[in-house]
Amino acid sequence: MGKLGIILNIILVLIMVNIAVFAGYYWYNMKNGNQQAVIFNYNPLRNIEVNASARVAQFYDGMRFNHNNISYYINEYCSQEKIDGLRKAMNIVEEETAIIKFSETSEEEADILVGCYKEAYEKEESIFVAGEGGPTRIINSTLYPVITRGKILLYNQTSCEYPVTELHEILHVFGFEHINDSSKIMFPYVDCNQKLNENMIKILIKLYSMPVLAEIYFINASALASDKYLNLSVEMTNVGMKDANNVSLAVYADNSFINDFEIGTIEYGEGRVMHANNLDLPSKNVKIITIELETPDKEIDKNNNIMEMVLEEN
């Protein structure tokens, strides 16, 4: 089993334990007639540490930063020649895409950390050693896996006028793998005559032309009636590339509003689980419970924010 599979199994166990604990708690309160609602969050796959090796065959499809102005920090030990080569490569990406920009910032704030000797930053995190560049942190629980940090090592200096090595590593950070065409920059071995792959530029333009929006929806929900009381369990998540702010959950019984709950901010790649018990129903004959997620933020698709459930009777 791979590391991602192990992470997913651990997450599943933690969620099941939390659900079991809260289910027992709410069953106790239900029997004692106390109206309760508790919301807790979990981060299913936020900030996965990418620990790749030369055996990595491909990155995640559609991965991108969730912003077009990519910041970088260059280690102080980099020579001026390497710095100039890197900036030249970034200028080429900017000109070719006409949508991606690079800006220099502090080490703490940088999207991309750049080192110029083999040990640079390797003590902190591993990188994709194939080409000595790549994403080091991603959030893969989104429609488009979000790159949150990347690193580049420029310890191999070439005499190429065209910044082949620098472009190669930048494209690794953007999630591109090696290709078998020796005339293109993403070929594993450097040749000063290599050029950018037009398809990669087209993919970058397409990905970074997409609006950065939230996307919240229900993963699972259940409703249980006991006399004139409703017990509700809801799991929701945000698979967009942007946080969903001021999220609320409205509950309806046969189209009659009965309650709403403040969920708060659901960060991208994050989930929420809400348990509520002993909500007052308008009658004992309610058949349909409807729940609706609401946020003032724009979403990729708001049509999936509503779920209807046939009420189970206890």
Protein backbone atom coordinates (compact mmCIF):
# COMPACT_ATOMS: atom_id res chain seq x y z
CA MET A 1 0.00 0.00 0.00
CA GLY A 2 1.37 3.42 -0.98
CA LYS A 3 1.73 6.38 1.37
CA LEU A 4 -1.42 8.01 -0.03
CA GLY A 5 -3.39 4.84 0.66
CA ILE A 6 -2.09 4.73 4.22
CA ILE A 7 -3.02 8.40 4.72
CA LEU A 8 -6.53 7.77 3.41
CA ASN A 9 -6.99 4.77 5.71
CA ILE A 10 -5.84 6.78 8.74
CA ILE A 11 -8.23 9.60 7.83
CA LEU A 12 -11.11 7.12 7.43
CA VAL A 13 -10.41 5.57 10.84
CA LEU A 14 -10.27 9.01 12.50
CA ILE A 15 -13.56 10.05 10.90
CA MET A 16 -15.26 6.80 11.97
CA VAL A 17 -14.00 7.19 15.53
CA ASN A 18 -15.27 10.77 15.69
CA ILE A 19 -18.65 9.76 14.30
CA ALA A 20 -18.92 6.91 16.80
CA VAL A 21 -18.06 9.18 19.73
CA PHE A 22 -20.48 11.90 18.68
CA ALA A 23 -23.21 9.37 17.85
CA GLY A 24 -23.05 8.05 21.42
CA TYR A 25 -23.08 11.57 22.81
CA TYR A 26 -26.10 12.59 20.77
CA TRP A 27 -28.03 9.41 21.51
CA TYR A 28 -27.65 10.21 25.20
CA ASN A 29 -28.90 13.78 24.70
CA MET A 30 -31.76 12.62 22.50
CA LYS A 31 -33.02 10.35 25.25
CA ASN A 32 -32.82 13.24 27.70
CA GLY A 33 -34.65 15.66 25.42
CA ASN A 34 -31.78 18.13 25.01
CA GLN A 35 -31.56 19.97 21.68
CA GLN A 36 -27.93 19.98 20.63
CA ALA A 37 -25.81 20.78 17.58
CA VAL A 38 -22.05 20.36 17.27
CA ILE A 39 -19.91 21.01 14.23
CA PHE A 40 -16.34 19.81 13.89
CA ASN A 41 -13.93 20.02 11.01
CA TYR A 42 -11.36 17.72 9.53
CA ASN A 43 -8.69 18.22 6.90
CA PRO A 44 -8.89 15.10 4.74
CA LEU A 45 -5.91 15.68 2.46
CA ARG A 46 -4.62 19.16 3.22
CA ASN A 47 -0.93 19.82 2.72
CA ILE A 48 0.22 16.38 1.69
CA GLU A 49 3.99 16.28 1.92
CA VAL A 50 5.22 15.03 -1.44
CA ASN A 51 8.15 12.70 -0.91
CA ALA A 52 8.94 11.59 -4.43
CA SER A 53 11.84 9.75 -6.02
CA ALA A 54 13.10 9.07 -9.52
CA ARG A 55 10.47 6.31 -9.75
CA VAL A 56 7.63 8.83 -9.83
CA ALA A 57 6.06 8.43 -13.29
CA GLN A 58 3.52 11.24 -13.26
CA PHE A 59 2.06 14.03 -11.19
CA TYR A 60 -1.63 14.69 -10.55
CA ASP A 61 -3.68 15.77 -13.57
CA GLY A 62 -4.80 19.39 -13.55
CA MET A 63 -2.61 20.45 -10.64
CA ARG A 64 -1.96 24.18 -10.29
CA PHE A 65 -1.38 27.00 -7.83
CA ASN A 66 -4.65 28.69 -6.87
CA HIS A 67 -3.32 32.06 -7.99
CA ASN A 68 -1.60 33.36 -11.12
CA ASN A 69 1.04 35.56 -9.47
CA ILE A 70 3.57 32.99 -8.33
CA SER A 71 6.04 34.16 -5.70
CA TYR A 72 9.58 32.86 -5.30
CA TYR A 73 12.60 33.17 -3.01
CA ILE A 74 16.19 32.64 -4.14
CA ASN A 75 18.71 31.35 -1.62
CA GLU A 76 21.55 33.78 -0.87
CA TYR A 77 24.17 31.26 -1.99
CA CYS A 78 22.96 31.31 -5.61
CA SER A 79 25.38 32.92 -8.05
CA GLN A 80 24.30 35.88 -10.13
CA GLU A 81 24.60 33.73 -13.22
CA LYS A 82 22.06 31.22 -11.86
CA ILE A 83 19.76 33.99 -10.67
CA ASP A 84 19.83 35.59 -14.11
CA GLY A 85 19.10 32.24 -15.77
CA LEU A 86 16.13 31.61 -13.48
CA ARG A 87 14.64 35.06 -14.07
CA LYS A 88 15.13 34.67 -17.80
CA ALA A 89 13.22 31.37 -17.67
CA MET A 90 10.42 32.97 -15.65
CA ASN A 91 10.18 35.80 -18.19
CA ILE A 92 9.77 33.22 -20.95
CA VAL A 93 6.90 31.52 -19.09
CA GLU A 94 5.27 34.90 -18.51
CA GLU A 95 5.57 35.85 -22.19
CA GLU A 96 4.45 32.48 -23.53
CA THR A 97 1.39 32.17 -21.29
CA ALA A 98 0.54 35.89 -20.94
CA ILE A 99 -1.39 34.89 -17.81
CA ILE A 100 1.21 33.70 -15.27
CA LYS A 101 3.40 36.17 -13.40
CA PHE A 102 6.35 35.72 -11.05
CA SER A 103 7.36 37.99 -8.19
CA GLU A 104 10.17 37.76 -5.66
CA THR A 105 9.30 37.69 -1.96
CA SER A 106 10.54 36.45 1.42
CA GLU A 107 11.43 32.86 2.18
CA GLU A 108 8.41 32.49 4.48
CA GLU A 109 5.91 33.77 1.91
CA ALA A 110 7.34 32.18 -1.25
CA ASP A 111 5.41 29.67 -3.36
CA ILE A 112 8.71 28.41 -4.79
CA LEU A 113 11.97 28.07 -2.88
CA VAL A 114 15.09 28.17 -5.06
CA GLY A 115 18.43 26.74 -3.91
CA CYS A 116 21.72 26.49 -5.76
CA TYR A 117 23.59 23.67 -4.06
CA LYS A 118 22.52 20.09 -3.67
CA GLU A 119 21.81 20.27 0.06
CA ALA A 120 19.67 23.42 -0.22
CA TYR A 121 16.36 22.83 1.60
CA GLU A 122 16.65 19.04 1.39
CA LYS A 123 16.82 18.82 5.19
CA GLU A 124 13.38 20.38 5.45
CA GLU A 125 11.48 18.54 2.72
CA SER A 126 12.19 16.20 -0.14
CA ILE A 127 11.57 17.20 -3.72
CA PHE A 128 11.00 15.39 -6.98
CA VAL A 129 14.58 14.34 -7.59
CA ALA A 130 13.89 13.77 -11.29
CA GLY A 131 15.20 17.08 -12.55
CA GLU A 132 15.72 18.46 -9.04
CA GLY A 133 12.50 20.42 -9.00
CA GLY A 134 8.83 19.96 -8.32
CA PRO A 135 5.92 20.57 -5.97
CA THR A 136 6.60 19.68 -2.34
CA ARG A 137 3.15 20.33 -0.88
CA ILE A 138 -0.19 19.83 -2.56
CA ILE A 139 -3.83 19.64 -1.56
CA ASN A 140 -5.28 16.83 -3.62
CA SER A 141 -8.84 16.82 -2.24
CA THR A 142 -9.93 19.44 -4.78
CA LEU A 143 -11.22 19.28 -8.35
CA TYR A 144 -7.88 20.72 -9.41
CA PRO A 145 -5.10 19.59 -7.05
CA VAL A 146 -3.67 22.76 -5.53
CA ILE A 147 0.09 23.25 -5.33
CA THR A 148 0.94 25.15 -2.14
CA ARG A 149 4.74 24.97 -2.25
CA GLY A 150 7.44 24.02 -4.74
CA LYS A 151 11.23 23.89 -4.78
CA ILE A 152 13.97 24.15 -7.36
CA LEU A 153 17.65 23.24 -7.10
CA LEU A 154 20.02 24.79 -9.64
CA TYR A 155 23.29 23.20 -8.62
CA ASN A 156 23.95 21.91 -12.17
CA GLN A 157 25.13 24.88 -14.23
CA THR A 158 25.02 24.67 -18.02
CA SER A 159 26.56 26.84 -20.71
CA CYS A 160 23.28 27.07 -22.64
CA GLU A 161 22.25 30.57 -23.70
CA TYR A 162 18.61 29.48 -23.57
CA PRO A 163 17.66 28.66 -19.93
CA VAL A 164 16.90 25.00 -20.59
CA THR A 165 17.60 23.71 -17.07
CA GLU A 166 15.74 26.54 -15.35
CA LEU A 167 12.65 26.08 -17.54
CA HIS A 168 12.80 22.33 -16.98
CA GLU A 169 12.67 22.78 -13.19
CA ILE A 170 9.99 25.48 -13.29
CA LEU A 171 7.77 23.18 -15.35
CA HIS A 172 8.33 20.39 -12.83
CA VAL A 173 7.06 22.74 -10.12
CA PHE A 174 3.94 23.29 -12.22
CA GLY A 175 3.42 19.53 -12.18
CA PHE A 176 4.78 18.43 -15.54
CA GLU A 177 6.59 15.11 -15.81
CA HIS A 178 9.35 14.04 -18.18
CA ILE A 179 8.62 13.31 -21.83
CA ASN A 180 10.45 11.11 -24.32
CA ASP A 181 10.95 13.77 -26.99
CA SER A 182 14.64 14.73 -26.80
CA SER A 183 13.97 17.98 -28.68
CA LYS A 184 11.81 19.31 -25.86
CA ILE A 185 12.82 20.84 -22.54
CA MET A 186 11.09 18.18 -20.41
CA PHE A 187 13.31 15.43 -21.78
CA PRO A 188 15.30 14.04 -18.80
CA TYR A 189 18.68 15.04 -20.24
CA VAL A 190 19.75 18.57 -21.08
CA ASP A 191 20.49 19.71 -24.62
CA CYS A 192 20.97 23.39 -25.32
CA ASN A 193 18.81 23.11 -28.46
CA GLN A 194 15.72 21.93 -26.56
CA LYS A 195 12.59 24.07 -26.74
CA LEU A 196 9.37 24.45 -24.82
CA ASN A 197 6.59 21.99 -25.55
CA GLU A 198 3.67 23.94 -27.01
CA ASN A 199 1.13 21.57 -25.46
CA MET A 200 2.47 22.33 -21.98
CA ILE A 201 2.04 26.06 -22.57
CA LYS A 202 -1.52 25.44 -23.79
CA ILE A 203 -2.26 23.41 -20.66
CA LEU A 204 -0.89 26.18 -18.43
CA ILE A 205 -3.01 28.78 -20.22
CA LYS A 206 -6.11 26.62 -19.87
CA LEU A 207 -5.53 25.82 -16.19
CA TYR A 208 -4.66 29.36 -15.13
CA SER A 209 -7.56 30.84 -17.11
CA MET A 210 -10.02 29.01 -14.89
CA PRO A 211 -11.71 31.11 -12.19
CA VAL A 212 -10.55 30.33 -8.66
CA LEU A 213 -13.78 29.53 -6.85
CA ALA A 214 -15.07 27.56 -3.90
CA GLU A 215 -17.13 24.41 -4.41
CA ILE A 216 -19.01 23.05 -1.41
CA TYR A 217 -21.28 20.03 -1.50
CA PHE A 218 -22.61 17.20 0.63
CA ILE A 219 -20.61 14.00 0.96
CA ASN A 220 -23.18 12.22 3.13
CA ALA A 221 -26.21 12.97 5.29
CA SER A 222 -28.76 11.08 7.35
CA ALA A 223 -31.98 12.05 9.14
CA LEU A 224 -33.79 10.13 11.88
CA ALA A 225 -37.17 11.02 13.42
CA SER A 226 -38.18 10.22 16.98
CA ASP A 227 -41.69 11.37 17.81
CA LYS A 228 -41.67 15.07 16.78
CA TYR A 229 -37.91 15.42 16.99
CA LEU A 230 -35.28 15.23 14.27
CA ASN A 231 -31.74 13.94 14.58
CA LEU A 232 -29.47 15.01 11.75
CA SER A 233 -25.92 14.08 10.67
CA VAL A 234 -24.29 15.88 7.76
CA GLU A 235 -20.84 15.65 6.17
CA MET A 236 -19.78 18.35 3.71
CA THR A 237 -16.59 19.44 1.96
CA ASN A 238 -15.05 22.14 -0.23
CA VAL A 239 -13.36 20.77 -3.35
CA GLY A 240 -12.80 24.15 -4.96
CA MET A 241 -9.57 26.15 -5.07
CA LYS A 242 -10.77 28.90 -2.73
CA ASP A 243 -12.15 29.02 0.82
CA ALA A 244 -15.93 29.16 1.19
CA ASN A 245 -16.78 31.86 3.73
CA ASN A 246 -19.81 32.38 5.97
CA VAL A 247 -21.25 28.98 5.13
CA SER A 248 -24.59 28.15 6.72
CA LEU A 249 -26.81 25.08 6.65
CA ALA A 250 -30.60 25.48 6.45
CA VAL A 251 -32.96 22.62 7.35
CA TYR A 252 -36.50 22.23 6.01
CA ALA A 253 -39.25 19.73 6.83
CA ASP A 254 -41.67 19.26 3.91
CA ASN A 255 -40.62 22.71 2.63
CA SER A 256 -41.19 24.35 6.03
CA PHE A 257 -38.09 26.00 7.51
CA ILE A 258 -37.18 24.56 10.92
CA ASN A 259 -33.61 25.63 11.69
CA ASP A 260 -30.29 26.87 10.36
CA PHE A 261 -26.72 26.52 11.56
CA GLU A 262 -23.60 28.64 11.11
CA ILE A 263 -20.88 26.45 9.65
CA GLY A 264 -18.31 29.23 9.19
CA THR A 265 -15.42 29.08 6.75
CA ILE A 266 -14.71 25.80 4.97
CA GLU A 267 -11.20 26.02 3.55
CA TYR A 268 -10.48 24.41 0.22
CA GLY A 269 -9.67 20.74 0.66
CA GLU A 270 -11.33 20.79 4.09
CA GLY A 271 -14.48 19.10 5.38
CA ARG A 272 -17.08 19.62 8.08
CA VAL A 273 -19.19 17.13 10.00
CA MET A 274 -22.28 18.40 11.80
CA HIS A 275 -24.48 16.45 14.22
CA ALA A 276 -27.73 17.95 15.50
CA ASN A 277 -30.39 16.26 17.61
CA ASN A 278 -33.84 16.98 18.98
CA LEU A 279 -34.74 19.55 16.36
CA ASP A 280 -38.45 20.34 16.56
CA LEU A 281 -40.54 19.05 13.65
CA PRO A 282 -43.83 20.73 12.71
CA SER A 283 -45.65 17.40 12.96
CA LYS A 284 -45.18 13.66 13.27
CA ASN A 285 -46.07 13.19 9.61
CA VAL A 286 -43.07 14.87 7.98
CA LYS A 287 -41.87 12.89 4.97
CA ILE A 288 -39.06 14.88 3.40
CA ILE A 289 -36.11 16.63 5.05
CA THR A 290 -34.25 19.11 2.85
CA ILE A 291 -30.86 20.58 3.72
CA GLU A 292 -29.22 23.44 1.87
CA LEU A 293 -25.71 24.90 2.05
CA GLU A 294 -25.49 28.65 1.58
CA THR A 295 -22.52 30.96 1.10
CA PRO A 296 -22.27 34.49 -0.34
CA ASP A 297 -19.16 33.43 -2.24
CA LYS A 298 -19.30 32.37 -5.87
CA GLU A 299 -18.99 28.65 -6.51
CA ILE A 300 -18.23 26.44 -9.46
CA ASP A 301 -21.72 24.95 -9.17
CA LYS A 302 -24.38 25.94 -6.62
CA ASN A 303 -26.87 23.37 -7.91
CA ASN A 304 -25.33 20.65 -5.74
CA ASN A 305 -25.85 22.58 -2.48
CA ILE A 306 -29.25 21.00 -1.83
CA MET A 307 -30.05 17.48 -0.66
CA GLU A 308 -33.42 15.86 0.00
CA MET A 309 -33.86 12.87 2.29
CA VAL A 310 -36.83 10.63 2.97
CA LEU A 311 -37.25 10.73 6.73
CA GLU A 312 -36.54 7.53 8.60
CA GLU A 313 -38.76 6.78 11.54
CA ASN A 314 -37.27 5.39 14.75
